[in-house]
Amino acid sequence: MTTFSLTLESKMNTDDEFHLYVGATRYYLGRMTYAVDDFVRTLVRKWSTLSEQTRSIICRDIEEQFELDDVARARGDQYKPLCIVTGK
């Protein structure tokens, strides 16, 4: 049996960091669950340790989603990118 152990001394390489934090940000955008709050708290806590590339792409992705959401709201669309729950 293989066991995996992650210690506090373990460090993520830049590619792993990028895929984890950018991927999670993209996944959680528009969702409304307690997991979003947990992720955001972690992201805020780790923000200063993330690479400039990772921070830049996360900011870009969030800004793009707000722009798409603003357009959808201005048109009166039923679907709004930053609100997965119908009718909100």
C-alpha atoms as a PDB file:
ATOM      1  CA  MET A   1       0.000   0.000   0.000  1.00  0.00           C
ATOM      2  CA  THR A   2       1.297   3.474  -0.887  1.00  0.00           C
ATOM      3  CA  THR A   3       0.950   6.253   1.643  1.00  0.00           C
ATOM      4  CA  PHE A   4       1.203   9.927   0.973  1.00  0.00           C
ATOM      5  CA  SER A   5       2.439  12.295   3.606  1.00  0.00           C
ATOM      6  CA  LEU A   6       2.477  16.064   3.256  1.00  0.00           C
ATOM      7  CA  THR A   7       4.537  17.893   5.806  1.00  0.00           C
ATOM      8  CA  LEU A   8       4.550  21.578   6.647  1.00  0.00           C
ATOM      9  CA  GLU A   9       8.019  21.779   5.123  1.00  0.00           C
ATOM     10  CA  SER A  10       6.719  20.613   1.736  1.00  0.00           C
ATOM     11  CA  LYS A  11       6.731  23.347  -0.858  1.00  0.00           C
ATOM     12  CA  MET A  12       4.694  23.525  -3.993  1.00  0.00           C
ATOM     13  CA  ASN A  13       6.515  24.291  -7.185  1.00  0.00           C
ATOM     14  CA  THR A  14       5.276  27.190  -9.301  1.00  0.00           C
ATOM     15  CA  ASP A  15       3.396  24.951 -11.755  1.00  0.00           C
ATOM     16  CA  ASP A  16       1.559  23.107  -8.975  1.00  0.00           C
ATOM     17  CA  GLU A  17       0.730  26.394  -7.244  1.00  0.00           C
ATOM     18  CA  PHE A  18      -0.558  27.845 -10.506  1.00  0.00           C
ATOM     19  CA  HIS A  19      -2.787  24.871 -11.304  1.00  0.00           C
ATOM     20  CA  LEU A  20      -4.148  24.563  -7.785  1.00  0.00           C
ATOM     21  CA  TYR A  21      -4.982  28.208  -7.077  1.00  0.00           C
ATOM     22  CA  VAL A  22      -5.968  29.308 -10.591  1.00  0.00           C
ATOM     23  CA  GLY A  23      -8.000  26.151 -11.133  1.00  0.00           C
ATOM     24  CA  ALA A  24      -9.762  26.484  -7.785  1.00  0.00           C
ATOM     25  CA  THR A  25     -10.490  30.170  -8.397  1.00  0.00           C
ATOM     26  CA  ARG A  26     -12.056  29.365 -11.757  1.00  0.00           C
ATOM     27  CA  TYR A  27     -14.071  26.541 -10.220  1.00  0.00           C
ATOM     28  CA  TYR A  28     -15.434  28.603  -7.328  1.00  0.00           C
ATOM     29  CA  LEU A  29     -16.315  31.750  -9.316  1.00  0.00           C
ATOM     30  CA  GLY A  30     -20.093  32.050  -9.276  1.00  0.00           C
ATOM     31  CA  ARG A  31     -20.685  29.279  -6.765  1.00  0.00           C
ATOM     32  CA  MET A  32     -22.493  29.917  -3.499  1.00  0.00           C
ATOM     33  CA  THR A  33     -21.411  27.339  -0.912  1.00  0.00           C
ATOM     34  CA  TYR A  34     -19.456  27.309   2.322  1.00  0.00           C
ATOM     35  CA  ALA A  35     -16.521  25.849   0.362  1.00  0.00           C
ATOM     36  CA  VAL A  36     -16.161  29.164  -1.487  1.00  0.00           C
ATOM     37  CA  ASP A  37     -15.672  30.953   1.826  1.00  0.00           C
ATOM     38  CA  ASP A  38     -13.097  28.361   2.913  1.00  0.00           C
ATOM     39  CA  PHE A  39     -11.182  28.725  -0.347  1.00  0.00           C
ATOM     40  CA  VAL A  40     -11.233  32.541  -0.252  1.00  0.00           C
ATOM     41  CA  ARG A  41      -9.895  32.533   3.311  1.00  0.00           C
ATOM     42  CA  THR A  42      -7.062  30.253   2.215  1.00  0.00           C
ATOM     43  CA  LEU A  43      -6.368  32.354  -0.872  1.00  0.00           C
ATOM     44  CA  VAL A  44      -6.189  35.546   1.198  1.00  0.00           C
ATOM     45  CA  ARG A  45      -3.871  33.891   3.700  1.00  0.00           C
ATOM     46  CA  LYS A  46      -1.550  32.561   0.952  1.00  0.00           C
ATOM     47  CA  TRP A  47      -1.788  35.548  -1.427  1.00  0.00           C
ATOM     48  CA  SER A  48       1.596  37.091  -0.594  1.00  0.00           C
ATOM     49  CA  THR A  49       3.359  33.751  -1.139  1.00  0.00           C
ATOM     50  CA  LEU A  50       1.887  33.118  -4.596  1.00  0.00           C
ATOM     51  CA  SER A  51       3.936  33.899  -7.675  1.00  0.00           C
ATOM     52  CA  GLU A  52       3.265  37.115  -9.569  1.00  0.00           C
ATOM     53  CA  GLN A  53       2.033  35.040 -12.531  1.00  0.00           C
ATOM     54  CA  THR A  54      -0.503  33.190 -10.374  1.00  0.00           C
ATOM     55  CA  ARG A  55      -1.764  36.382  -8.701  1.00  0.00           C
ATOM     56  CA  SER A  56      -1.998  38.174 -12.051  1.00  0.00           C
ATOM     57  CA  ILE A  57      -4.065  35.442 -13.689  1.00  0.00           C
ATOM     58  CA  ILE A  58      -6.387  35.112 -10.691  1.00  0.00           C
ATOM     59  CA  CYS A  59      -7.008  38.885 -10.766  1.00  0.00           C
ATOM     60  CA  ARG A  60      -7.580  38.820 -14.529  1.00  0.00           C
ATOM     61  CA  ASP A  61     -10.038  35.917 -14.272  1.00  0.00           C
ATOM     62  CA  ILE A  62     -12.028  37.592 -11.497  1.00  0.00           C
ATOM     63  CA  GLU A  63     -12.160  40.915 -13.368  1.00  0.00           C
ATOM     64  CA  GLU A  64     -13.324  39.155 -16.552  1.00  0.00           C
ATOM     65  CA  GLN A  65     -16.129  37.408 -14.666  1.00  0.00           C
ATOM     66  CA  PHE A  66     -17.300  40.690 -13.134  1.00  0.00           C
ATOM     67  CA  GLU A  67     -17.361  42.259 -16.608  1.00  0.00           C
ATOM     68  CA  LEU A  68     -19.370  39.341 -18.018  1.00  0.00           C
ATOM     69  CA  ASP A  69     -21.734  39.509 -15.062  1.00  0.00           C
ATOM     70  CA  ASP A  70     -22.210  43.286 -15.490  1.00  0.00           C
ATOM     71  CA  VAL A  71     -23.089  42.795 -19.176  1.00  0.00           C
ATOM     72  CA  ALA A  72     -25.533  39.980 -18.372  1.00  0.00           C
ATOM     73  CA  ARG A  73     -27.256  42.102 -15.715  1.00  0.00           C
ATOM     74  CA  ALA A  74     -27.450  45.137 -18.033  1.00  0.00           C
ATOM     75  CA  ARG A  75     -29.126  42.983 -20.710  1.00  0.00           C
ATOM     76  CA  GLY A  76     -31.475  41.471 -18.165  1.00  0.00           C
ATOM     77  CA  ASP A  77     -30.229  37.936 -18.817  1.00  0.00           C
ATOM     78  CA  GLN A  78     -31.674  35.240 -16.585  1.00  0.00           C
ATOM     79  CA  TYR A  79     -28.220  33.600 -16.347  1.00  0.00           C
ATOM     80  CA  LYS A  80     -25.607  35.685 -14.577  1.00  0.00           C
ATOM     81  CA  PRO A  81     -22.019  34.355 -14.502  1.00  0.00           C
ATOM     82  CA  LEU A  82     -21.425  35.228 -10.864  1.00  0.00           C
ATOM     83  CA  CYS A  83     -24.660  33.791  -9.538  1.00  0.00           C
ATOM     84  CA  ILE A  84     -25.244  30.087 -10.146  1.00  0.00           C
ATOM     85  CA  VAL A  85     -28.531  30.042  -8.190  1.00  0.00           C
ATOM     86  CA  THR A  86     -31.386  30.705 -10.638  1.00  0.00           C
ATOM     87  CA  GLY A  87     -33.314  33.890 -10.041  1.00  0.00           C
ATOM     88  CA  LYS A  88     -30.668  35.686  -7.989  1.00  0.00           C
END
